[in-house]
Amino acid sequence: MSQTSEQFVETLVERWRLMGNQAYRGGNLRKAEEYYTSGLNCASSHGALRSCLGAVVLCYSDRALTRMSLGRMREAIEDCMKASTIDPKFLKVEVTSGSCYLALGEIDDAGKCFMKCF
């Protein structure tokens, strides 16, 4: 994939994410989740996951928050783990994971997530 096409895919992923953010702010959580998923699918279908890691991490993080808001904690945790695997220094997903674990009553796992932030 050329640099230009990689940049194009990254731009598309970011657009999907921004549309997801707008839907989220508007309270349309299911549509937001669709948009974030479309962004992730766009990156993977073009083989561009490596070239637009920042946008992909943000899509996973934003989709995790959306899924958390929808009460789907396990799916949110999965998204957080994917984002953390890509960028271990992006600690926002550790806070989100910890909050999900707390909501599930899994205090030990929540504590492990929060401790990564220190």
PDB file of N, CA and C in Angstrom:
ATOM      1  N   MET A   1       0.850  -1.169   0.000  1.00  0.00           N
ATOM      2  CA  MET A   1       0.000   0.000   0.000  1.00  0.00           C
ATOM      3  C   MET A   1       0.899   1.236   0.000  1.00  0.00           C
ATOM      4  N   SER A   2       0.638   2.155  -0.876  1.00  0.00           N
ATOM      5  CA  SER A   2       1.467   3.358  -0.967  1.00  0.00           C
ATOM      6  C   SER A   2       1.138   4.322   0.160  1.00  0.00           C
ATOM      7  N   GLN A   3       2.061   5.252   0.370  1.00  0.00           N
ATOM      8  CA  GLN A   3       1.870   6.246   1.425  1.00  0.00           C
ATOM      9  C   GLN A   3       0.572   7.026   1.212  1.00  0.00           C
ATOM     10  N   THR A   4       0.279   7.373  -0.033  1.00  0.00           N
ATOM     11  CA  THR A   4      -0.927   8.142  -0.320  1.00  0.00           C
ATOM     12  C   THR A   4      -2.178   7.340   0.010  1.00  0.00           C
ATOM     13  N   SER A   5      -2.220   6.077  -0.376  1.00  0.00           N
ATOM     14  CA  SER A   5      -3.404   5.270  -0.073  1.00  0.00           C
ATOM     15  C   SER A   5      -3.509   4.990   1.421  1.00  0.00           C
ATOM     16  N   GLU A   6      -2.374   4.855   2.106  1.00  0.00           N
ATOM     17  CA  GLU A   6      -2.403   4.682   3.558  1.00  0.00           C
ATOM     18  C   GLU A   6      -2.992   5.918   4.226  1.00  0.00           C
ATOM     19  N   GLN A   7      -2.592   7.077   3.769  1.00  0.00           N
ATOM     20  CA  GLN A   7      -3.132   8.323   4.324  1.00  0.00           C
ATOM     21  C   GLN A   7      -4.620   8.434   4.037  1.00  0.00           C
ATOM     22  N   PHE A   8      -5.036   7.998   2.857  1.00  0.00           N
ATOM     23  CA  PHE A   8      -6.447   8.034   2.494  1.00  0.00           C
ATOM     24  C   PHE A   8      -7.261   7.148   3.434  1.00  0.00           C
ATOM     25  N   VAL A   9      -6.771   5.932   3.683  1.00  0.00           N
ATOM     26  CA  VAL A   9      -7.473   5.013   4.584  1.00  0.00           C
ATOM     27  C   VAL A   9      -7.523   5.597   5.993  1.00  0.00           C
ATOM     28  N   GLU A  10      -6.415   6.172   6.434  1.00  0.00           N
ATOM     29  CA  GLU A  10      -6.405   6.787   7.768  1.00  0.00           C
ATOM     30  C   GLU A  10      -7.442   7.906   7.858  1.00  0.00           C
ATOM     31  N   THR A  11      -7.555   8.690   6.807  1.00  0.00           N
ATOM     32  CA  THR A  11      -8.559   9.765   6.763  1.00  0.00           C
ATOM     33  C   THR A  11      -9.967   9.185   6.827  1.00  0.00           C
ATOM     34  N   LEU A  12     -10.204   8.100   6.110  1.00  0.00           N
ATOM     35  CA  LEU A  12     -11.525   7.456   6.148  1.00  0.00           C
ATOM     36  C   LEU A  12     -11.846   6.929   7.544  1.00  0.00           C
ATOM     37  N   VAL A  13     -10.875   6.277   8.163  1.00  0.00           N
ATOM     38  CA  VAL A  13     -11.078   5.742   9.512  1.00  0.00           C
ATOM     39  C   VAL A  13     -11.401   6.881  10.473  1.00  0.00           C
ATOM     40  N   GLU A  14     -10.666   7.965  10.358  1.00  0.00           N
ATOM     41  CA  GLU A  14     -10.901   9.117  11.234  1.00  0.00           C
ATOM     42  C   GLU A  14     -12.280   9.719  10.983  1.00  0.00           C
ATOM     43  N   ARG A  15     -12.725   9.759   9.754  1.00  0.00           N
ATOM     44  CA  ARG A  15     -14.069  10.279   9.455  1.00  0.00           C
ATOM     45  C   ARG A  15     -15.149   9.413  10.084  1.00  0.00           C
ATOM     46  N   TRP A  16     -14.988   8.087   9.974  1.00  0.00           N
ATOM     47  CA  TRP A  16     -15.951   7.182  10.611  1.00  0.00           C
ATOM     48  C   TRP A  16     -15.980   7.441  12.123  1.00  0.00           C
ATOM     49  N   ARG A  17     -14.790   7.625  12.694  1.00  0.00           N
ATOM     50  CA  ARG A  17     -14.713   7.860  14.144  1.00  0.00           C
ATOM     51  C   ARG A  17     -15.405   9.158  14.540  1.00  0.00           C
ATOM     52  N   LEU A  18     -15.179  10.202  13.757  1.00  0.00           N
ATOM     53  CA  LEU A  18     -15.805  11.493  14.065  1.00  0.00           C
ATOM     54  C   LEU A  18     -17.326  11.424  13.926  1.00  0.00           C
ATOM     55  N   MET A  19     -17.801  10.670  12.934  1.00  0.00           N
ATOM     56  CA  MET A  19     -19.250  10.483  12.804  1.00  0.00           C
ATOM     57  C   MET A  19     -19.786   9.699  14.001  1.00  0.00           C
ATOM     58  N   GLY A  20     -19.001   8.733  14.468  1.00  0.00           N
ATOM     59  CA  GLY A  20     -19.383   7.992  15.663  1.00  0.00           C
ATOM     60  C   GLY A  20     -19.454   8.901  16.880  1.00  0.00           C
ATOM     61  N   ASN A  21     -18.480   9.788  17.004  1.00  0.00           N
ATOM     62  CA  ASN A  21     -18.490  10.734  18.126  1.00  0.00           C
ATOM     63  C   ASN A  21     -19.720  11.629  18.085  1.00  0.00           C
ATOM     64  N   GLN A  22     -20.073  12.067  16.894  1.00  0.00           N
ATOM     65  CA  GLN A  22     -21.248  12.931  16.743  1.00  0.00           C
ATOM     66  C   GLN A  22     -22.518  12.167  17.123  1.00  0.00           C
ATOM     67  N   ALA A  23     -22.635  10.938  16.667  1.00  0.00           N
ATOM     68  CA  ALA A  23     -23.800  10.126  17.014  1.00  0.00           C
ATOM     69  C   ALA A  23     -23.840   9.873  18.520  1.00  0.00           C
ATOM     70  N   TYR A  24     -22.684   9.609  19.114  1.00  0.00           N
ATOM     71  CA  TYR A  24     -22.601   9.368  20.559  1.00  0.00           C
ATOM     72  C   TYR A  24     -23.092  10.593  21.325  1.00  0.00           C
ATOM     73  N   ARG A  25     -22.573  11.768  20.940  1.00  0.00           N
ATOM     74  CA  ARG A  25     -22.988  13.009  21.604  1.00  0.00           C
ATOM     75  C   ARG A  25     -24.483  13.255  21.429  1.00  0.00           C
ATOM     76  N   GLY A  26     -25.025  12.824  20.304  1.00  0.00           N
ATOM     77  CA  GLY A  26     -26.457  12.978  20.048  1.00  0.00           C
ATOM     78  C   GLY A  26     -27.316  11.922  20.717  1.00  0.00           C
ATOM     79  N   GLY A  27     -26.690  10.995  21.418  1.00  0.00           N
ATOM     80  CA  GLY A  27     -27.424   9.972  22.146  1.00  0.00           C
ATOM     81  C   GLY A  27     -27.788   8.748  21.315  1.00  0.00           C
ATOM     82  N   ASN A  28     -27.325   8.684  20.078  1.00  0.00           N
ATOM     83  CA  ASN A  28     -27.624   7.540  19.224  1.00  0.00           C
ATOM     84  C   ASN A  28     -26.471   6.538  19.332  1.00  0.00           C
ATOM     85  N   LEU A  29     -26.483   5.784  20.414  1.00  0.00           N
ATOM     86  CA  LEU A  29     -25.366   4.905  20.737  1.00  0.00           C
ATOM     87  C   LEU A  29     -25.206   3.758  19.743  1.00  0.00           C
ATOM     88  N   ARG A  30     -26.293   3.212  19.290  1.00  0.00           N
ATOM     89  CA  ARG A  30     -26.195   2.102  18.326  1.00  0.00           C
ATOM     90  C   ARG A  30     -25.588   2.573  17.009  1.00  0.00           C
ATOM     91  N   LYS A  31     -25.967   3.761  16.577  1.00  0.00           N
ATOM     92  CA  LYS A  31     -25.397   4.311  15.349  1.00  0.00           C
ATOM     93  C   LYS A  31     -23.913   4.623  15.573  1.00  0.00           C
ATOM     94  N   ALA A  32     -23.579   5.149  16.731  1.00  0.00           N
ATOM     95  CA  ALA A  32     -22.175   5.433  17.046  1.00  0.00           C
ATOM     96  C   ALA A  32     -21.351   4.154  16.958  1.00  0.00           C
ATOM     97  N   GLU A  33     -21.866   3.083  17.552  1.00  0.00           N
ATOM     98  CA  GLU A  33     -21.156   1.807  17.504  1.00  0.00           C
ATOM     99  C   GLU A  33     -20.970   1.347  16.055  1.00  0.00           C
ATOM    100  N   GLU A  34     -21.987   1.512  15.244  1.00  0.00           N
ATOM    101  CA  GLU A  34     -21.885   1.153  13.814  1.00  0.00           C
ATOM    102  C   GLU A  34     -20.769   1.937  13.129  1.00  0.00           C
ATOM    103  N   TYR A  35     -20.712   3.231  13.392  1.00  0.00           N
ATOM    104  CA  TYR A  35     -19.693   4.068  12.759  1.00  0.00           C
ATOM    105  C   TYR A  35     -18.279   3.652  13.180  1.00  0.00           C
ATOM    106  N   TYR A  36     -18.090   3.429  14.475  1.00  0.00           N
ATOM    107  CA  TYR A  36     -16.772   3.013  14.944  1.00  0.00           C
ATOM    108  C   TYR A  36     -16.382   1.669  14.318  1.00  0.00           C
ATOM    109  N   THR A  37     -17.336   0.760  14.258  1.00  0.00           N
ATOM    110  CA  THR A  37     -17.082  -0.542  13.649  1.00  0.00           C
ATOM    111  C   THR A  37     -16.742  -0.390  12.170  1.00  0.00           C
ATOM    112  N   SER A  38     -17.436   0.504  11.484  1.00  0.00           N
ATOM    113  CA  SER A  38     -17.144   0.751  10.069  1.00  0.00           C
ATOM    114  C   SER A  38     -15.721   1.270   9.889  1.00  0.00           C
ATOM    115  N   GLY A  39     -15.282   2.127  10.783  1.00  0.00           N
ATOM    116  CA  GLY A  39     -13.920   2.635  10.722  1.00  0.00           C
ATOM    117  C   GLY A  39     -12.898   1.527  10.903  1.00  0.00           C
ATOM    118  N   LEU A  40     -13.147   0.653  11.866  1.00  0.00           N
ATOM    119  CA  LEU A  40     -12.241  -0.468  12.107  1.00  0.00           C
ATOM    120  C   LEU A  40     -12.241  -1.436  10.928  1.00  0.00           C
ATOM    121  N   ASN A  41     -13.419  -1.692  10.383  1.00  0.00           N
ATOM    122  CA  ASN A  41     -13.516  -2.578   9.222  1.00  0.00           C
ATOM    123  C   ASN A  41     -12.815  -1.979   8.010  1.00  0.00           C
ATOM    124  N   CYS A  42     -12.913  -0.671   7.859  1.00  0.00           N
ATOM    125  CA  CYS A  42     -12.255   0.023   6.751  1.00  0.00           C
ATOM    126  C   CYS A  42     -10.742  -0.184   6.833  1.00  0.00           C
ATOM    127  N   ALA A  43     -10.194  -0.019   8.016  1.00  0.00           N
ATOM    128  CA  ALA A  43      -8.746  -0.179   8.189  1.00  0.00           C
ATOM    129  C   ALA A  43      -8.327  -1.616   7.929  1.00  0.00           C
ATOM    130  N   SER A  44      -9.066  -2.572   8.459  1.00  0.00           N
ATOM    131  CA  SER A  44      -8.657  -3.966   8.291  1.00  0.00           C
ATOM    132  C   SER A  44      -8.886  -4.460   6.866  1.00  0.00           C
ATOM    133  N   SER A  45      -9.941  -4.019   6.220  1.00  0.00           N
ATOM    134  CA  SER A  45     -10.209  -4.494   4.859  1.00  0.00           C
ATOM    135  C   SER A  45      -9.201  -3.952   3.850  1.00  0.00           C
ATOM    136  N   HIS A  46      -8.569  -2.839   4.184  1.00  0.00           N
ATOM    137  CA  HIS A  46      -7.554  -2.274   3.308  1.00  0.00           C
ATOM    138  C   HIS A  46      -6.142  -2.648   3.747  1.00  0.00           C
ATOM    139  N   GLY A  47      -6.054  -3.522   4.750  1.00  0.00           N
ATOM    140  CA  GLY A  47      -4.743  -3.933   5.230  1.00  0.00           C
ATOM    141  C   GLY A  47      -3.944  -2.784   5.816  1.00  0.00           C
ATOM    142  N   ALA A  48      -4.658  -1.819   6.391  1.00  0.00           N
ATOM    143  CA  ALA A  48      -4.000  -0.597   6.854  1.00  0.00           C
ATOM    144  C   ALA A  48      -3.963  -0.471   8.366  1.00  0.00           C
ATOM    145  N   LEU A  49      -4.232  -1.551   9.081  1.00  0.00           N
ATOM    146  CA  LEU A  49      -4.227  -1.446  10.544  1.00  0.00           C
ATOM    147  C   LEU A  49      -2.909  -0.893  11.067  1.00  0.00           C
ATOM    148  N   ARG A  50      -1.816  -1.302  10.477  1.00  0.00           N
ATOM    149  CA  ARG A  50      -0.495  -0.853  10.929  1.00  0.00           C
ATOM    150  C   ARG A  50      -0.222   0.601  10.570  1.00  0.00           C
ATOM    151  N   SER A  51      -0.769   1.056   9.451  1.00  0.00           N
ATOM    152  CA  SER A  51      -0.434   2.403   8.985  1.00  0.00           C
ATOM    153  C   SER A  51      -1.282   3.492   9.641  1.00  0.00           C
ATOM    154  N   CYS A  52      -2.364   3.109  10.285  1.00  0.00           N
ATOM    155  CA  CYS A  52      -3.199   4.138  10.935  1.00  0.00           C
ATOM    156  C   CYS A  52      -3.543   3.704  12.356  1.00  0.00           C
ATOM    157  N   LEU A  53      -2.512   3.319  13.087  1.00  0.00           N
ATOM    158  CA  LEU A  53      -2.705   2.801  14.437  1.00  0.00           C
ATOM    159  C   LEU A  53      -3.395   3.785  15.368  1.00  0.00           C
ATOM    160  N   GLY A  54      -3.039   5.065  15.265  1.00  0.00           N
ATOM    161  CA  GLY A  54      -3.654   6.054  16.149  1.00  0.00           C
ATOM    162  C   GLY A  54      -5.153   6.116  15.965  1.00  0.00           C
ATOM    163  N   ALA A  55      -5.601   6.153  14.732  1.00  0.00           N
ATOM    164  CA  ALA A  55      -7.036   6.209  14.446  1.00  0.00           C
ATOM    165  C   ALA A  55      -7.726   4.918  14.872  1.00  0.00           C
ATOM    166  N   VAL A  56      -7.054   3.789  14.685  1.00  0.00           N
ATOM    167  CA  VAL A  56      -7.626   2.501  15.067  1.00  0.00           C
ATOM    168  C   VAL A  56      -7.765   2.409  16.585  1.00  0.00           C
ATOM    169  N   VAL A  57      -6.749   2.827  17.309  1.00  0.00           N
ATOM    170  CA  VAL A  57      -6.811   2.814  18.777  1.00  0.00           C
ATOM    171  C   VAL A  57      -7.969   3.676  19.268  1.00  0.00           C
ATOM    172  N   LEU A  58      -8.125   4.850  18.685  1.00  0.00           N
ATOM    173  CA  LEU A  58      -9.217   5.733  19.094  1.00  0.00           C
ATOM    174  C   LEU A  58     -10.578   5.134  18.757  1.00  0.00           C
ATOM    175  N   CYS A  59     -10.688   4.454  17.615  1.00  0.00           N
ATOM    176  CA  CYS A  59     -11.949   3.784  17.271  1.00  0.00           C
ATOM    177  C   CYS A  59     -12.283   2.701  18.293  1.00  0.00           C
ATOM    178  N   TYR A  60     -11.284   1.880  18.651  1.00  0.00           N
ATOM    179  CA  TYR A  60     -11.527   0.854  19.670  1.00  0.00           C
ATOM    180  C   TYR A  60     -11.925   1.487  20.998  1.00  0.00           C
ATOM    181  N   SER A  61     -11.228   2.534  21.389  1.00  0.00           N
ATOM    182  CA  SER A  61     -11.511   3.207  22.657  1.00  0.00           C
ATOM    183  C   SER A  61     -12.913   3.809  22.665  1.00  0.00           C
ATOM    184  N   ASP A  62     -13.259   4.496  21.589  1.00  0.00           N
ATOM    185  CA  ASP A  62     -14.575   5.129  21.515  1.00  0.00           C
ATOM    186  C   ASP A  62     -15.690   4.088  21.446  1.00  0.00           C
ATOM    187  N   ARG A  63     -15.442   3.001  20.712  1.00  0.00           N
ATOM    188  CA  ARG A  63     -16.454   1.945  20.648  1.00  0.00           C
ATOM    189  C   ARG A  63     -16.605   1.278  22.012  1.00  0.00           C
ATOM    190  N   ALA A  64     -15.502   1.141  22.745  1.00  0.00           N
ATOM    191  CA  ALA A  64     -15.573   0.569  24.095  1.00  0.00           C
ATOM    192  C   ALA A  64     -16.453   1.428  25.000  1.00  0.00           C
ATOM    193  N   LEU A  65     -16.269   2.734  24.944  1.00  0.00           N
ATOM    194  CA  LEU A  65     -17.106   3.624  25.758  1.00  0.00           C
ATOM    195  C   LEU A  65     -18.577   3.516  25.368  1.00  0.00           C
ATOM    196  N   THR A  66     -18.815   3.389  24.074  1.00  0.00           N
ATOM    197  CA  THR A  66     -20.188   3.247  23.597  1.00  0.00           C
ATOM    198  C   THR A  66     -20.790   1.941  24.100  1.00  0.00           C
ATOM    199  N   ARG A  67     -20.039   0.870  23.977  1.00  0.00           N
ATOM    200  CA  ARG A  67     -20.535  -0.427  24.439  1.00  0.00           C
ATOM    201  C   ARG A  67     -20.738  -0.430  25.944  1.00  0.00           C
ATOM    202  N   MET A  68     -19.888   0.273  26.652  1.00  0.00           N
ATOM    203  CA  MET A  68     -20.058   0.407  28.095  1.00  0.00           C
ATOM    204  C   MET A  68     -21.377   1.123  28.391  1.00  0.00           C
ATOM    205  N   SER A  69     -21.642   2.189  27.651  1.00  0.00           N
ATOM    206  CA  SER A  69     -22.897   2.935  27.828  1.00  0.00           C
ATOM    207  C   SER A  69     -24.113   2.083  27.498  1.00  0.00           C
ATOM    208  N   LEU A  70     -23.946   1.126  26.602  1.00  0.00           N
ATOM    209  CA  LEU A  70     -25.030   0.218  26.231  1.00  0.00           C
ATOM    210  C   LEU A  70     -25.156  -0.952  27.208  1.00  0.00           C
ATOM    211  N   GLY A  71     -24.260  -1.000  28.206  1.00  0.00           N
ATOM    212  CA  GLY A  71     -24.306  -2.055  29.209  1.00  0.00           C
ATOM    213  C   GLY A  71     -23.640  -3.347  28.771  1.00  0.00           C
ATOM    214  N   ARG A  72     -22.862  -3.287  27.728  1.00  0.00           N
ATOM    215  CA  ARG A  72     -22.190  -4.476  27.192  1.00  0.00           C
ATOM    216  C   ARG A  72     -20.723  -4.440  27.616  1.00  0.00           C
ATOM    217  N   MET A  73     -20.529  -4.699  28.909  1.00  0.00           N
ATOM    218  CA  MET A  73     -19.224  -4.527  29.535  1.00  0.00           C
ATOM    219  C   MET A  73     -18.152  -5.458  28.974  1.00  0.00           C
ATOM    220  N   ARG A  74     -18.501  -6.714  28.738  1.00  0.00           N
ATOM    221  CA  ARG A  74     -17.500  -7.666  28.234  1.00  0.00           C
ATOM    222  C   ARG A  74     -16.981  -7.245  26.853  1.00  0.00           C
ATOM    223  N   GLU A  75     -17.881  -6.806  25.992  1.00  0.00           N
ATOM    224  CA  GLU A  75     -17.459  -6.349  24.675  1.00  0.00           C
ATOM    225  C   GLU A  75     -16.601  -5.087  24.788  1.00  0.00           C
ATOM    226  N   ALA A  76     -16.966  -4.227  25.718  1.00  0.00           N
ATOM    227  CA  ALA A  76     -16.170  -3.013  25.941  1.00  0.00           C
ATOM    228  C   ALA A  76     -14.760  -3.378  26.396  1.00  0.00           C
ATOM    229  N   ILE A  77     -14.660  -4.340  27.301  1.00  0.00           N
ATOM    230  CA  ILE A  77     -13.349  -4.781  27.787  1.00  0.00           C
ATOM    231  C   ILE A  77     -12.534  -5.365  26.637  1.00  0.00           C
ATOM    232  N   GLU A  78     -13.170  -6.135  25.762  1.00  0.00           N
ATOM    233  CA  GLU A  78     -12.455  -6.696  24.602  1.00  0.00           C
ATOM    234  C   GLU A  78     -11.879  -5.578  23.731  1.00  0.00           C
ATOM    235  N   ASP A  79     -12.675  -4.543  23.482  1.00  0.00           N
ATOM    236  CA  ASP A  79     -12.182  -3.415  22.683  1.00  0.00           C
ATOM    237  C   ASP A  79     -11.011  -2.724  23.374  1.00  0.00           C
ATOM    238  N   CYS A  80     -11.115  -2.577  24.682  1.00  0.00           N
ATOM    239  CA  CYS A  80     -10.024  -1.951  25.439  1.00  0.00           C
ATOM    240  C   CYS A  80      -8.745  -2.780  25.330  1.00  0.00           C
ATOM    241  N   MET A  81      -8.889  -4.096  25.406  1.00  0.00           N
ATOM    242  CA  MET A  81      -7.711  -4.964  25.302  1.00  0.00           C
ATOM    243  C   MET A  81      -7.066  -4.843  23.918  1.00  0.00           C
ATOM    244  N   LYS A  82      -7.886  -4.750  22.890  1.00  0.00           N
ATOM    245  CA  LYS A  82      -7.346  -4.600  21.534  1.00  0.00           C
ATOM    246  C   LYS A  82      -6.594  -3.275  21.411  1.00  0.00           C
ATOM    247  N   ALA A  83      -7.186  -2.216  21.938  1.00  0.00           N
ATOM    248  CA  ALA A  83      -6.529  -0.905  21.880  1.00  0.00           C
ATOM    249  C   ALA A  83      -5.229  -0.918  22.677  1.00  0.00           C
ATOM    250  N   SER A  84      -5.254  -1.550  23.837  1.00  0.00           N
ATOM    251  CA  SER A  84      -4.073  -1.608  24.694  1.00  0.00           C
ATOM    252  C   SER A  84      -2.957  -2.437  24.065  1.00  0.00           C
ATOM    253  N   THR A  85      -3.327  -3.461  23.325  1.00  0.00           N
ATOM    254  CA  THR A  85      -2.331  -4.280  22.632  1.00  0.00           C
ATOM    255  C   THR A  85      -1.612  -3.443  21.578  1.00  0.00           C
ATOM    256  N   ILE A  86      -2.363  -2.590  20.900  1.00  0.00           N
ATOM    257  CA  ILE A  86      -1.783  -1.737  19.862  1.00  0.00           C
ATOM    258  C   ILE A  86      -0.931  -0.639  20.484  1.00  0.00           C
ATOM    259  N   ASP A  87      -1.458  -0.017  21.540  1.00  0.00           N
ATOM    260  CA  ASP A  87      -0.742   1.089  22.188  1.00  0.00           C
ATOM    261  C   ASP A  87      -0.819   0.941  23.709  1.00  0.00           C
ATOM    262  N   PRO A  88       0.138   0.240  24.303  1.00  0.00           N
ATOM    263  CA  PRO A  88       0.117  -0.001  25.748  1.00  0.00           C
ATOM    264  C   PRO A  88       0.195   1.280  26.587  1.00  0.00           C
ATOM    265  N   LYS A  89       0.600   2.383  26.001  1.00  0.00           N
ATOM    266  CA  LYS A  89       0.716   3.641  26.748  1.00  0.00           C
ATOM    267  C   LYS A  89      -0.582   4.455  26.733  1.00  0.00           C
ATOM    268  N   PHE A  90      -1.583   3.997  25.997  1.00  0.00           N
ATOM    269  CA  PHE A  90      -2.864   4.706  25.924  1.00  0.00           C
ATOM    270  C   PHE A  90      -3.709   4.256  27.114  1.00  0.00           C
ATOM    271  N   LEU A  91      -3.530   4.945  28.233  1.00  0.00           N
ATOM    272  CA  LEU A  91      -4.088   4.507  29.511  1.00  0.00           C
ATOM    273  C   LEU A  91      -5.584   4.757  29.662  1.00  0.00           C
ATOM    274  N   LYS A  92      -6.157   5.543  28.802  1.00  0.00           N
ATOM    275  CA  LYS A  92      -7.604   5.785  28.864  1.00  0.00           C
ATOM    276  C   LYS A  92      -8.367   4.463  28.819  1.00  0.00           C
ATOM    277  N   VAL A  93      -7.870   3.504  28.022  1.00  0.00           N
ATOM    278  CA  VAL A  93      -8.573   2.230  27.920  1.00  0.00           C
ATOM    279  C   VAL A  93      -8.445   1.405  29.200  1.00  0.00           C
ATOM    280  N   GLU A  94      -7.391   1.638  29.972  1.00  0.00           N
ATOM    281  CA  GLU A  94      -7.270   0.947  31.259  1.00  0.00           C
ATOM    282  C   GLU A  94      -8.335   1.457  32.229  1.00  0.00           C
ATOM    283  N   VAL A  95      -8.591   2.757  32.193  1.00  0.00           N
ATOM    284  CA  VAL A  95      -9.632   3.335  33.043  1.00  0.00           C
ATOM    285  C   VAL A  95     -11.000   2.800  32.620  1.00  0.00           C
ATOM    286  N   THR A  96     -11.230   2.740  31.318  1.00  0.00           N
ATOM    287  CA  THR A  96     -12.500   2.208  30.820  1.00  0.00           C
ATOM    288  C   THR A  96     -12.656   0.740  31.219  1.00  0.00           C
ATOM    289  N   SER A  97     -11.611  -0.058  31.018  1.00  0.00           N
ATOM    290  CA  SER A  97     -11.668  -1.471  31.420  1.00  0.00           C
ATOM    291  C   SER A  97     -11.944  -1.598  32.904  1.00  0.00           C
ATOM    292  N   GLY A  98     -11.210  -0.821  33.699  1.00  0.00           N
ATOM    293  CA  GLY A  98     -11.411  -0.868  35.144  1.00  0.00           C
ATOM    294  C   GLY A  98     -12.834  -0.527  35.545  1.00  0.00           C
ATOM    295  N   SER A  99     -13.407   0.464  34.883  1.00  0.00           N
ATOM    296  CA  SER A  99     -14.788   0.848  35.165  1.00  0.00           C
ATOM    297  C   SER A  99     -15.767  -0.262  34.780  1.00  0.00           C
ATOM    298  N   CYS A 100     -15.487  -0.935  33.682  1.00  0.00           N
ATOM    299  CA  CYS A 100     -16.330  -2.067  33.270  1.00  0.00           C
ATOM    300  C   CYS A 100     -16.249  -3.201  34.283  1.00  0.00           C
ATOM    301  N   TYR A 101     -15.029  -3.509  34.701  1.00  0.00           N
ATOM    302  CA  TYR A 101     -14.867  -4.565  35.696  1.00  0.00           C
ATOM    303  C   TYR A 101     -15.576  -4.207  37.006  1.00  0.00           C
ATOM    304  N   LEU A 102     -15.502  -2.939  37.392  1.00  0.00           N
ATOM    305  CA  LEU A 102     -16.211  -2.518  38.600  1.00  0.00           C
ATOM    306  C   LEU A 102     -17.708  -2.730  38.443  1.00  0.00           C
ATOM    307  N   ALA A 103     -18.246  -2.354  37.288  1.00  0.00           N
ATOM    308  CA  ALA A 103     -19.676  -2.524  37.032  1.00  0.00           C
ATOM    309  C   ALA A 103     -20.076  -4.000  37.085  1.00  0.00           C
ATOM    310  N   LEU A 104     -19.144  -4.870  36.725  1.00  0.00           N
ATOM    311  CA  LEU A 104     -19.407  -6.312  36.769  1.00  0.00           C
ATOM    312  C   LEU A 104     -19.149  -6.909  38.154  1.00  0.00           C
ATOM    313  N   GLY A 105     -18.633  -6.087  39.076  1.00  0.00           N
ATOM    314  CA  GLY A 105     -18.334  -6.555  40.425  1.00  0.00           C
ATOM    315  C   GLY A 105     -17.020  -7.309  40.529  1.00  0.00           C
ATOM    316  N   GLU A 106     -16.176  -7.162  39.522  1.00  0.00           N
ATOM    317  CA  GLU A 106     -14.888  -7.867  39.498  1.00  0.00           C
ATOM    318  C   GLU A 106     -13.788  -6.906  39.964  1.00  0.00           C
ATOM    319  N   ILE A 107     -13.722  -6.744  41.260  1.00  0.00           N
ATOM    320  CA  ILE A 107     -12.884  -5.733  41.899  1.00  0.00           C
ATOM    321  C   ILE A 107     -11.394  -5.965  41.651  1.00  0.00           C
ATOM    322  N   ASP A 108     -10.940  -7.206  41.733  1.00  0.00           N
ATOM    323  CA  ASP A 108      -9.511  -7.491  41.531  1.00  0.00           C
ATOM    324  C   ASP A 108      -9.059  -7.086  40.131  1.00  0.00           C
ATOM    325  N   ASP A 109      -9.848  -7.451  39.117  1.00  0.00           N
ATOM    326  CA  ASP A 109      -9.492  -7.091  37.748  1.00  0.00           C
ATOM    327  C   ASP A 109      -9.554  -5.572  37.558  1.00  0.00           C
ATOM    328  N   ALA A 110     -10.527  -4.937  38.189  1.00  0.00           N
ATOM    329  CA  ALA A 110     -10.619  -3.474  38.108  1.00  0.00           C
ATOM    330  C   ALA A 110      -9.362  -2.831  38.690  1.00  0.00           C
ATOM    331  N   GLY A 111      -8.942  -3.334  39.834  1.00  0.00           N
ATOM    332  CA  GLY A 111      -7.753  -2.801  40.486  1.00  0.00           C
ATOM    333  C   GLY A 111      -6.511  -2.943  39.635  1.00  0.00           C
ATOM    334  N   LYS A 112      -6.374  -4.081  38.952  1.00  0.00           N
ATOM    335  CA  LYS A 112      -5.227  -4.297  38.080  1.00  0.00           C
ATOM    336  C   LYS A 112      -5.194  -3.258  36.955  1.00  0.00           C
ATOM    337  N   CYS A 113      -6.370  -2.967  36.395  1.00  0.00           N
ATOM    338  CA  CYS A 113      -6.452  -1.973  35.320  1.00  0.00           C
ATOM    339  C   CYS A 113      -6.057  -0.593  35.843  1.00  0.00           C
ATOM    340  N   PHE A 114      -6.622  -0.223  36.970  1.00  0.00           N
ATOM    341  CA  PHE A 114      -6.348   1.110  37.511  1.00  0.00           C
ATOM    342  C   PHE A 114      -4.881   1.241  37.929  1.00  0.00           C
ATOM    343  N   MET A 115      -4.282   0.156  38.422  1.00  0.00           N
ATOM    344  CA  MET A 115      -2.881   0.224  38.842  1.00  0.00           C
ATOM    345  C   MET A 115      -1.941   0.464  37.660  1.00  0.00           C
ATOM    346  N   LYS A 116      -2.326   0.046  36.474  1.00  0.00           N
ATOM    347  CA  LYS A 116      -1.497   0.288  35.281  1.00  0.00           C
ATOM    348  C   LYS A 116      -1.372   1.776  35.003  1.00  0.00           C
ATOM    349  N   CYS A 117      -2.279   2.559  35.534  1.00  0.00           N
ATOM    350  CA  CYS A 117      -2.272   4.001  35.298  1.00  0.00           C
ATOM    351  C   CYS A 117      -1.277   4.734  36.200  1.00  0.00           C
ATOM    352  N   PHE A 118      -0.754   4.039  37.200  1.00  0.00           N
ATOM    353  CA  PHE A 118       0.165   4.701  38.136  1.00  0.00           C
ATOM    354  C   PHE A 118       1.592   4.476  37.801  1.00  0.00           C
TER     355      PHE A 118
END
